Protein backbone atom coordinates (compact mmCIF):
# COMPACT_ATOMS: atom_id res chain seq x y z
CA MET A 1 -84.24 -47.40 30.07
CA ASP A 2 -80.59 -47.84 29.27
CA PRO A 3 -79.92 -44.92 26.74
CA ARG A 4 -77.70 -47.52 24.51
CA ALA A 5 -81.55 -49.33 23.60
CA LEU A 6 -82.94 -46.41 21.88
CA PRO A 7 -83.76 -46.51 18.38
CA PHE A 8 -81.33 -45.47 16.52
CA ASP A 9 -82.75 -42.17 15.20
CA ASP A 10 -82.93 -41.10 18.66
CA GLU A 11 -78.96 -41.79 19.12
CA PRO A 12 -77.71 -39.10 21.04
CA GLU A 13 -75.02 -37.06 18.98
CA THR A 14 -72.54 -37.92 21.69
CA GLY A 15 -72.22 -41.40 20.84
CA ARG A 16 -72.35 -44.55 23.58
CA PRO A 17 -70.49 -47.48 23.63
CA PRO A 18 -72.47 -51.04 22.04
CA PHE A 19 -74.05 -53.43 24.00
CA SER A 20 -72.51 -56.22 24.17
CA VAL A 21 -74.15 -59.95 23.16
CA SER A 22 -74.29 -61.11 26.81
CA GLU A 23 -75.57 -57.55 28.00
CA LEU A 24 -78.14 -57.47 25.24
CA THR A 25 -79.30 -61.13 26.55
CA ALA A 26 -79.34 -60.47 30.00
CA GLN A 27 -81.71 -57.21 29.39
CA LEU A 28 -84.02 -59.37 27.01
CA LYS A 29 -84.39 -62.37 29.50
CA GLY A 30 -85.41 -59.73 32.16
CA VAL A 31 -87.63 -57.93 29.98
CA ILE A 32 -89.23 -61.62 29.44
CA GLU A 33 -89.61 -62.58 32.66
CA ASP A 34 -91.04 -59.83 34.02
CA THR A 35 -93.26 -59.38 31.29
CA PHE A 36 -94.62 -62.66 31.06
CA GLY A 37 -93.85 -64.60 34.66
CA VAL A 38 -96.03 -67.64 34.74
CA VAL A 39 -97.74 -68.81 31.76
CA THR A 40 -100.07 -71.98 30.59
CA VAL A 41 -99.41 -73.02 27.35
CA GLU A 42 -100.86 -76.05 25.08
CA GLY A 43 -99.21 -77.97 22.58
CA GLU A 44 -97.74 -81.05 21.26
CA LEU A 45 -94.64 -82.07 22.57
CA SER A 46 -91.50 -83.58 20.38
CA ASN A 47 -87.99 -84.41 20.20
CA CYS A 48 -88.14 -85.46 24.23
CA LYS A 49 -85.09 -86.34 25.43
CA ALA A 50 -84.45 -87.38 29.25
CA TRP A 51 -80.39 -86.69 30.19
CA SER A 52 -78.68 -88.78 33.10
CA SER A 53 -79.07 -85.48 35.19
CA GLY A 54 -82.79 -86.16 35.54
CA HIS A 55 -84.01 -82.93 33.61
CA VAL A 56 -86.01 -83.29 30.36
CA TYR A 57 -85.59 -81.38 27.54
CA PHE A 58 -88.60 -80.85 24.76
CA THR A 59 -90.07 -78.79 22.10
CA LEU A 60 -93.71 -77.82 22.35
CA LYS A 61 -95.26 -77.05 19.10
CA ASP A 62 -98.25 -76.47 17.02
CA ASP A 63 -98.95 -75.78 13.28
CA TYR A 64 -97.31 -72.40 13.07
CA ALA A 65 -94.67 -72.26 15.69
CA GLN A 66 -92.25 -73.91 18.39
CA LEU A 67 -91.37 -73.33 21.95
CA ARG A 68 -87.99 -74.95 23.48
CA GLY A 69 -89.17 -76.14 27.16
CA VAL A 70 -87.22 -78.05 29.98
CA VAL A 71 -88.69 -79.74 33.18
CA PHE A 72 -86.06 -80.11 35.73
CA ARG A 73 -85.30 -83.25 37.94
CA MET A 74 -87.74 -82.49 40.85
CA GLN A 75 -90.83 -81.44 38.90
CA ALA A 76 -89.92 -84.58 36.41
CA ARG A 77 -90.13 -87.24 38.93
CA GLN A 78 -93.51 -86.03 39.77
CA LEU A 79 -94.69 -86.52 36.59
CA LYS A 80 -97.60 -89.62 36.83
CA PHE A 81 -96.75 -90.32 33.29
CA LYS A 82 -93.83 -90.39 30.93
CA LEU A 83 -93.32 -87.62 28.69
CA GLU A 84 -93.35 -88.58 24.55
CA ASP A 85 -93.28 -87.19 21.19
CA GLY A 86 -96.81 -86.66 19.76
CA LEU A 87 -98.47 -86.31 23.34
CA ARG A 88 -100.75 -83.16 23.56
CA VAL A 89 -100.14 -81.31 27.09
CA VAL A 90 -100.65 -78.29 29.25
CA ILE A 91 -97.74 -76.83 30.75
CA ARG A 92 -97.90 -74.44 33.21
CA GLY A 93 -94.79 -72.47 33.89
CA ARG A 94 -92.04 -69.58 33.59
CA ILE A 95 -90.72 -67.93 30.29
CA SER A 96 -87.37 -67.43 30.45
CA VAL A 97 -84.44 -67.19 28.32
CA TYR A 98 -81.31 -69.51 27.74
CA GLU A 99 -78.48 -66.91 27.40
CA VAL A 100 -75.96 -69.52 26.49
CA LYS A 101 -77.84 -69.88 22.97
CA GLY A 102 -80.10 -67.16 23.30
CA GLU A 103 -83.35 -68.88 22.96
CA TYR A 104 -86.17 -68.33 24.88
CA GLN A 105 -87.94 -71.51 26.58
CA ILE A 106 -90.35 -72.37 28.80
CA ILE A 107 -89.49 -73.85 32.47
CA ALA A 108 -92.24 -76.25 33.42
CA ASP A 109 -93.60 -76.59 36.80
CA ALA A 110 -96.46 -78.66 35.82
CA ILE A 111 -97.29 -80.84 32.88
CA ASP A 112 -101.07 -82.61 32.52
CA PRO A 113 -102.24 -84.79 29.06
CA HIS A 114 -104.57 -82.24 27.15
CA GLY A 115 -107.90 -83.80 27.80
CA LEU A 116 -106.97 -86.77 30.02
CA GLY A 117 -105.85 -86.83 33.60
CA ALA A 118 -102.28 -87.90 34.53
CA LEU A 119 -103.05 -91.03 35.86
CA GLN A 120 -105.04 -92.07 32.76
CA ALA A 121 -102.23 -91.27 30.32
CA ALA A 122 -99.74 -93.36 32.80
CA PHE A 123 -102.17 -96.25 32.92
CA ASP A 124 -102.49 -96.26 28.84
CA GLN A 125 -98.44 -95.65 27.86
CA LEU A 126 -97.88 -98.56 30.61
CA LYS A 127 -100.36 -100.64 29.14
CA ARG A 128 -99.00 -100.31 25.62
CA ALA A 129 -95.52 -101.01 26.58
CA LEU A 130 -96.32 -104.30 28.29
CA GLN A 131 -98.33 -105.78 25.56
CA ALA A 132 -95.76 -104.98 22.95
CA GLU A 133 -93.24 -107.18 25.47
CA GLY A 134 -95.79 -109.70 25.50
CA LEU A 135 -96.72 -109.96 29.27
CA PHE A 136 -100.32 -109.67 28.33
CA ASP A 137 -100.43 -112.57 26.26
CA ALA A 138 -102.42 -115.85 27.07
CA ALA A 139 -100.03 -118.14 26.48
CA ARG A 140 -98.00 -117.24 29.24
CA LYS A 141 -100.46 -117.54 31.94
CA ARG A 142 -100.47 -120.80 33.69
CA PRO A 143 -103.76 -122.36 34.84
CA LEU A 144 -105.06 -122.72 38.53
CA PRO A 145 -104.27 -125.69 40.22
CA VAL A 146 -106.80 -127.90 40.87
CA LEU A 147 -106.73 -129.01 44.56
CA PRO A 148 -104.53 -125.87 46.24
CA ARG A 149 -103.33 -126.79 49.53
CA ARG A 150 -101.66 -123.90 50.39
CA ILE A 151 -103.21 -120.38 49.44
CA GLY A 152 -101.41 -117.13 49.71
CA ILE A 153 -102.80 -113.66 49.85
CA VAL A 154 -101.32 -109.94 49.86
CA THR A 155 -103.50 -107.57 50.75
CA SER A 156 -104.36 -104.71 53.56
CA ALA A 157 -104.91 -106.60 56.93
CA ASP A 158 -107.50 -103.95 57.92
CA GLY A 159 -109.73 -104.34 54.60
CA ALA A 160 -113.09 -105.68 53.74
CA ALA A 161 -111.12 -107.63 50.97
CA LEU A 162 -109.38 -110.14 53.29
CA ARG A 163 -112.36 -110.94 55.46
CA ASP A 164 -114.29 -111.80 52.40
CA ILE A 165 -111.63 -114.05 50.98
CA LEU A 166 -111.28 -115.64 54.34
CA ARG A 167 -115.08 -116.36 54.83
CA ILE A 168 -115.53 -118.35 51.34
CA LEU A 169 -112.32 -119.96 52.07
CA ALA A 170 -113.27 -121.21 54.93
CA VAL A 171 -116.98 -122.20 54.24
CA ARG A 172 -115.48 -124.43 51.05
CA HIS A 173 -112.43 -125.47 51.49
CA ALA A 174 -111.62 -125.25 54.70
CA SER A 175 -108.69 -128.21 54.40
CA ALA A 176 -106.53 -125.25 52.47
CA ARG A 177 -103.69 -123.62 54.74
CA ILE A 178 -103.96 -120.11 54.05
CA VAL A 179 -100.92 -117.51 54.10
CA ILE A 180 -101.48 -113.98 54.62
CA ARG A 181 -98.54 -111.18 53.97
CA PRO A 182 -100.02 -108.01 54.87
CA ALA A 183 -99.27 -104.93 52.38
CA ARG A 184 -100.37 -101.43 51.63
CA VAL A 185 -102.66 -101.04 49.07
CA GLN A 186 -102.67 -97.53 48.41
CA GLY A 187 -100.26 -94.49 49.25
CA GLU A 188 -97.08 -93.22 47.86
CA ASP A 189 -95.11 -96.40 49.15
CA ALA A 190 -97.91 -98.83 48.43
CA ALA A 191 -96.61 -100.10 45.15
CA ARG A 192 -93.01 -101.09 47.15
CA ASP A 193 -94.49 -102.83 49.65
CA LEU A 194 -96.98 -104.96 47.25
CA ILE A 195 -93.68 -105.80 45.53
CA ARG A 196 -91.89 -107.15 48.63
CA ALA A 197 -94.98 -108.61 49.92
CA LEU A 198 -95.38 -110.62 46.91
CA LYS A 199 -92.00 -112.10 46.51
CA ALA A 200 -92.22 -113.12 50.10
CA ILE A 201 -94.73 -115.48 49.94
CA ALA A 202 -94.26 -116.35 46.54
CA ASN A 203 -90.71 -118.33 48.52
CA VAL A 204 -93.11 -119.54 51.06
CA PRO A 205 -92.45 -123.46 50.56
CA GLU A 206 -95.34 -125.64 48.53
CA MET A 207 -97.20 -122.44 47.83
CA ASP A 208 -99.75 -123.29 44.74
CA VAL A 209 -101.60 -119.93 44.16
CA VAL A 210 -101.45 -116.14 45.54
CA ILE A 211 -104.27 -113.44 45.43
CA ILE A 212 -103.23 -110.28 45.37
CA GLY A 213 -105.83 -107.28 45.56
CA ARG A 214 -108.02 -104.80 47.76
CA GLY A 215 -111.54 -103.31 47.57
CA GLY A 216 -112.65 -100.86 45.79
CA GLY A 217 -112.00 -96.99 45.61
CA SER A 218 -110.70 -94.27 43.18
CA ALA A 219 -108.54 -94.23 40.33
CA GLU A 220 -105.73 -92.62 42.62
CA ASP A 221 -106.62 -95.37 45.61
CA LEU A 222 -106.11 -98.25 42.59
CA SER A 223 -103.03 -96.34 41.57
CA ALA A 224 -100.52 -98.87 43.25
CA PHE A 225 -101.55 -101.66 41.24
CA ASN A 226 -100.74 -99.79 38.09
CA ASP A 227 -96.91 -99.72 38.73
CA GLU A 228 -95.09 -100.98 36.66
CA GLY A 229 -92.64 -103.02 38.79
CA LEU A 230 -95.51 -104.70 40.32
CA ALA A 231 -96.81 -105.84 36.92
CA ARG A 232 -93.07 -107.65 35.91
CA ALA A 233 -93.05 -108.72 39.85
CA ILE A 234 -96.59 -110.54 39.25
CA ALA A 235 -95.41 -111.87 35.60
CA ALA A 236 -91.82 -113.24 37.15
CA CYS A 237 -93.88 -114.89 40.44
CA ALA A 238 -92.82 -118.38 40.76
CA VAL A 239 -96.87 -119.63 40.95
CA PRO A 240 -100.04 -118.31 39.37
CA VAL A 241 -101.29 -115.07 40.67
CA ILE A 242 -104.90 -114.25 40.71
CA SER A 243 -105.20 -110.26 40.66
CA ALA A 244 -108.39 -109.36 42.70
CA VAL A 245 -108.86 -104.98 42.62
CA GLY A 246 -111.99 -103.11 43.21
CA HIS A 247 -114.96 -103.83 41.69
CA GLU A 248 -116.09 -105.60 38.51
CA VAL A 249 -115.82 -102.44 36.61
CA ASP A 250 -112.39 -101.74 37.28
CA PHE A 251 -109.03 -102.60 35.63
CA THR A 252 -105.72 -102.61 36.35
CA ILE A 253 -102.26 -103.21 34.66
CA ALA A 254 -102.10 -105.93 37.71
CA ASP A 255 -105.32 -107.13 36.31
CA PHE A 256 -103.70 -107.91 32.40
CA VAL A 257 -100.37 -109.40 33.65
CA ALA A 258 -101.88 -111.49 36.46
CA ASP A 259 -102.93 -115.22 35.03
CA VAL A 260 -106.35 -114.97 36.17
CA ARG A 261 -108.48 -111.54 36.68
CA ALA A 262 -110.76 -111.92 39.59
CA ALA A 263 -113.77 -109.40 39.37
CA THR A 264 -114.05 -108.68 43.15
CA PRO A 265 -111.83 -110.46 46.04
CA SER A 266 -115.00 -112.52 46.94
CA ASN A 267 -114.76 -113.90 43.28
CA ALA A 268 -111.26 -114.32 43.45
CA ALA A 269 -111.61 -117.03 46.46
CA GLU A 270 -114.26 -118.65 44.68
CA LEU A 271 -112.09 -118.74 41.59
CA VAL A 272 -109.48 -120.62 43.62
CA ILE A 273 -112.14 -123.50 45.06
CA GLU A 274 -113.86 -123.63 42.06
CA ARG A 275 -111.70 -125.99 40.22
CA ALA A 276 -111.71 -128.28 43.84
CA ASP A 277 -115.17 -127.68 43.41
CA HIS A 278 -115.36 -129.43 40.08
CA PHE A 279 -112.70 -131.97 41.23
CA ARG A 280 -114.83 -132.82 44.15
CA THR A 281 -117.63 -133.45 42.05
CA ARG A 282 -116.08 -135.56 39.86
CA ILE A 283 -114.72 -138.00 42.48
CA ASP A 284 -118.36 -138.17 43.75
CA ARG A 285 -119.69 -139.21 40.26
CA ALA A 286 -116.53 -141.58 39.85
CA ALA A 287 -117.77 -143.04 43.26
CA GLU A 288 -121.07 -143.71 41.97
CA ARG A 289 -119.81 -145.16 38.88
CA LEU A 290 -117.77 -147.40 40.64
CA ALA A 291 -120.41 -148.34 43.13
CA ARG A 292 -122.89 -149.53 40.49
CA GLY A 293 -120.05 -151.39 38.62
CA VAL A 294 -119.12 -153.14 41.72
CA GLU A 295 -122.95 -154.38 41.85
CA ARG A 296 -123.11 -155.26 38.61
CA ALA A 297 -119.86 -157.42 39.23
CA VAL A 298 -121.31 -158.96 42.29
CA ASP A 299 -124.45 -159.88 40.61
CA GLY A 300 -122.65 -161.05 37.74
CA ARG A 301 -120.39 -163.15 39.95
CA ALA A 302 -123.45 -164.77 41.67
CA GLN A 303 -125.65 -165.77 38.40
CA ARG A 304 -122.17 -167.74 37.32
CA HIS A 305 -122.11 -169.42 40.93
CA ASP A 306 -125.99 -170.62 40.37
CA ARG A 307 -124.80 -171.70 36.95
CA LEU A 308 -121.54 -173.53 37.93
CA ASP A 309 -123.42 -175.22 40.46
CA LEU A 310 -126.19 -176.71 38.57
CA LYS A 311 -123.44 -177.96 36.47
CA LEU A 312 -121.69 -179.65 39.30
CA ARG A 313 -124.57 -181.96 40.33
CA HIS A 314 -124.32 -183.51 36.60
CA TRP A 315 -120.67 -184.59 37.63
CA PRO A 316 -120.72 -187.96 38.99
CA LEU A 317 -122.89 -189.27 35.93
CA LYS A 318 -120.28 -187.29 33.53
CA ILE A 319 -117.57 -188.50 34.85
CA GLU A 320 -118.51 -192.83 34.73
CA LEU A 321 -118.91 -191.76 31.56
CA ARG A 322 -115.67 -190.51 30.73
CA GLU A 323 -114.40 -193.36 32.35
CA ARG A 324 -115.92 -195.62 29.79
CA ASP A 325 -114.63 -193.67 27.15
CA ARG A 326 -111.56 -193.44 28.48
CA GLN A 327 -111.03 -197.60 28.60
CA ASP A 328 -112.50 -197.32 25.08
CA LEU A 329 -109.71 -194.96 23.82
CA ASP A 330 -107.42 -197.17 25.92
CA GLY A 331 -107.96 -200.42 23.89
CA ARG A 332 -108.00 -198.91 20.64
CA LEU A 333 -104.73 -196.93 21.22
CA MET A 334 -103.33 -200.35 22.14
CA ALA A 335 -104.55 -202.03 19.02
CA ALA A 336 -103.15 -198.97 16.88
CA ALA A 337 -99.68 -199.15 18.44
CA ALA A 338 -99.66 -203.23 17.77
CA GLY A 339 -100.32 -202.39 13.88
CA ALA A 340 -97.66 -199.83 13.74
CA ILE A 341 -95.19 -201.58 15.09
CA ALA A 342 -95.78 -204.40 12.92
CA ARG A 343 -95.56 -202.36 9.65
CA ALA A 344 -92.28 -200.41 10.95
CA ARG A 345 -90.89 -204.30 11.11
CA ASP A 346 -91.97 -205.17 7.67
CA ARG A 347 -90.76 -201.75 6.38
CA PHE A 348 -87.55 -202.54 8.02
CA GLU A 349 -87.27 -205.94 6.62
CA SER A 350 -87.73 -204.87 3.01
CA TRP A 351 -84.44 -202.13 3.77
CA ARG A 352 -82.34 -204.77 5.21
CA ARG A 353 -83.13 -207.47 2.10
CA ARG A 354 -82.33 -204.10 -0.03
CA LEU A 355 -79.24 -203.18 1.49
CA GLU A 356 -77.95 -206.61 1.53
CA ARG A 357 -78.24 -206.23 -2.70
CA ARG A 358 -76.03 -203.70 -2.51
CA ASP A 359 -73.26 -204.42 -0.28
CA VAL A 360 -70.16 -202.60 -0.52
CA ARG A 361 -67.72 -205.28 -1.44
CA ARG A 362 -69.60 -206.49 -4.19
CA VAL A 363 -70.36 -203.21 -5.75
CA THR A 364 -66.57 -202.08 -4.82
CA ALA A 365 -65.35 -205.30 -7.00
CA GLU A 366 -67.42 -204.66 -10.02
CA LEU A 367 -66.14 -201.17 -10.03
CA ARG A 368 -62.45 -202.15 -10.04
CA THR A 369 -63.37 -204.01 -12.98
CA ARG A 370 -65.14 -201.71 -15.12
CA THR A 371 -61.93 -199.19 -13.81
CA MET A 372 -59.38 -201.32 -15.33
CA GLN A 373 -60.67 -201.85 -18.64
CA ALA A 374 -61.75 -198.04 -19.01
CA ASP A 375 -57.99 -197.45 -18.22
CA GLY A 376 -56.68 -199.99 -20.90
CA ARG A 377 -59.09 -198.02 -23.58
CA LEU A 378 -58.07 -194.96 -22.36
CA ARG A 379 -53.75 -195.56 -22.61
CA ALA A 380 -54.45 -197.20 -26.15
CA ALA A 381 -56.12 -194.09 -27.30
CA ILE A 382 -53.41 -191.87 -26.09
CA ALA A 383 -50.72 -193.65 -27.59
CA LEU A 384 -52.87 -193.49 -31.12
CA ARG A 385 -53.50 -189.68 -30.95
CA ARG A 386 -49.60 -189.03 -30.23
CA HIS A 387 -48.68 -191.34 -32.94
CA HIS A 388 -50.78 -189.31 -35.44
CA ALA A 389 -49.81 -185.85 -33.71
CA GLU A 390 -45.86 -186.78 -33.73
CA ARG A 391 -46.40 -187.88 -37.69
CA ARG A 392 -48.42 -184.77 -38.14
CA ALA A 393 -45.73 -182.28 -36.96
CA ALA A 394 -42.73 -183.98 -38.82
CA THR A 395 -44.53 -183.55 -42.14
CA LEU A 396 -44.98 -179.56 -41.15
CA ALA A 397 -41.66 -179.11 -39.70
CA ALA A 398 -40.69 -180.28 -43.37
CA GLN A 399 -43.11 -178.09 -44.97
CA LEU A 400 -41.78 -175.22 -42.84
CA ASP A 401 -38.44 -175.97 -43.61
CA ALA A 402 -38.54 -176.16 -47.25
CA LEU A 403 -40.29 -172.16 -47.08
CA SER A 404 -37.65 -171.06 -45.04
CA PRO A 405 -35.75 -168.05 -46.00
CA LEU A 406 -32.61 -169.62 -44.38
CA ALA A 407 -32.94 -172.78 -46.96
CA VAL A 408 -33.12 -170.67 -49.62
CA LEU A 409 -29.76 -169.11 -48.39
CA GLY A 410 -28.30 -172.40 -47.94
CA ARG A 411 -28.57 -172.83 -51.74
CA GLY A 412 -26.38 -169.70 -52.42
CA TYR A 413 -29.01 -166.56 -52.54
CA ALA A 414 -28.41 -163.82 -50.46
CA LEU A 415 -30.12 -160.53 -49.16
CA CYS A 416 -29.53 -157.38 -49.76
CA TRP A 417 -30.22 -154.66 -46.99
CA ASN A 418 -29.99 -150.44 -46.53
CA GLU A 419 -27.53 -149.27 -44.28
CA SER A 420 -29.60 -149.35 -41.14
CA ARG A 421 -31.26 -152.70 -41.93
CA THR A 422 -34.65 -151.48 -41.86
CA GLY A 423 -35.51 -152.59 -45.25
CA ILE A 424 -34.61 -155.06 -48.04
CA ILE A 425 -33.73 -153.74 -51.25
CA ARG A 426 -35.53 -155.18 -54.49
CA SER A 427 -34.06 -152.72 -56.67
CA SER A 428 -31.11 -150.95 -58.34
CA ALA A 429 -32.94 -147.68 -58.18
CA GLN A 430 -33.72 -147.88 -54.19
CA VAL A 431 -29.72 -147.18 -53.98
CA HIS A 432 -27.00 -145.10 -55.72
CA ALA A 433 -23.04 -145.05 -56.13
CA GLY A 434 -21.43 -144.45 -52.62
CA ASP A 435 -24.05 -146.33 -50.72
CA HIS A 436 -23.18 -148.36 -48.31
CA VAL A 437 -25.44 -151.87 -47.87
CA ARG A 438 -25.35 -154.92 -45.87
CA VAL A 439 -25.69 -158.60 -47.62
CA THR A 440 -27.01 -161.47 -45.49
CA LEU A 441 -25.31 -164.97 -46.81
CA ALA A 442 -26.35 -168.29 -45.19
CA GLU A 443 -23.77 -167.94 -43.20
CA GLY A 444 -22.72 -164.54 -41.88
CA GLU A 445 -23.47 -161.01 -43.38
CA LEU A 446 -20.94 -158.72 -45.24
CA GLY A 447 -20.95 -154.75 -45.20
CA CYS A 448 -20.76 -153.41 -48.91
CA ARG A 449 -20.23 -150.34 -50.73
CA VAL A 450 -22.08 -149.46 -54.11
CA ASP A 451 -20.09 -148.79 -56.78
CA GLU A 452 -22.25 -148.58 -59.93
CA THR A 453 -25.79 -149.60 -60.37
CA TYR A 454 -27.46 -150.83 -63.40
CA ALA A 455 -30.95 -150.31 -65.06
CA PRO A 456 -33.17 -153.93 -64.93
CA ASN A 457 -32.06 -155.75 -68.03
CA ASP A 458 -29.02 -153.40 -69.09
CA THR A 459 -25.95 -154.35 -67.51
CA ALA A 460 -23.79 -152.41 -70.27
CA LYS A 461 -23.64 -148.75 -69.12
CA PRO A 462 -24.13 -148.09 -65.40
CA ARG A 463 -26.20 -145.65 -63.38
CA THR A 464 -24.41 -141.86 -62.11
């Protein structure tokens, strides 16, 4: 043991140099790694963060403590599920010390969900994520075609699933064209092979529907159909997709994303031709109804023919009777026409006589006489009215002249104004000595200055 690690009470009297931080941390790291080695720890994940380098850092905690941890890129790629906060896991790894921060941590070699298998945890995580995106919504799923003419199949070329599908289609829908794109359905690269096969077969011209699936197997065997990339390829497929994976009790992510889920591959073939069978049944029923309708129409036409034949036997007698009626009507029409012409002639004569009495020349002469008489009366009335108006105007002019101020001025009177000529001076009290006034005469006007003013009825003493 390094003597520098002795307790203070046991420190040699000779003294020793102190530890540096890095030296002490390195010794602690060696002690911890040698003491614990590989351990298995259970706890809850928090603060999970995946870096661009591929490493994933996290904290493993329980109710009383926490432990830093890291899973490096190579081990992280092998995980079947995604590390996320709140997930309870069991970690197998090595306890070490991160010297830069002086923290001890666990370096994970393997991580398993507590109480669940890794495949089941990955399945649940992916199912929740895709469901939140709406890839499972019924509104986005498309109906199967009624009469598919070209059916695509993506599955193993050697599996029993392909044989079951082909057997049912050959018996019940032999006219359909089958396009097969083999693909691996289990193994490490099965999901990528299924994606390539689905995209290739969806691009085949006039493809109506695609069946993708395989027979039964374990959860590991069906894991390719729980791949996120395959789920998104099914959702983006240009034609409806039927998922037929495993047995009726098996469910995969592909089943939830596909437009239709079939319990088995055989059931997928039945679903494809089910609507065709219904359509054929409808055609047969329509043909039966059409045949009955044609039969009823033919019977109806035969009955009408018999009735018309019976009526035609009596047509010669009817024609003779109609000819007699025609002649009678012809005579009555001629008599009615002659009477109408006579009445029209009488009306014409009556109107002619009335027009003669209203001859324009006669009426014009009478109007001319009446107009001349009215003109004479009008001229006399105008002259009389003019005489009365002139006489009244002369009277009013005389009265106006008598009332005019100018006439008063003409008799020797005058008007006295203030200097601004805005008011008439009616009292000596309105002016004072030295004020200027204007005096209007019958002819012309005077500008005067007031030397003295006198009170009314008192001219002896001037005002000051």
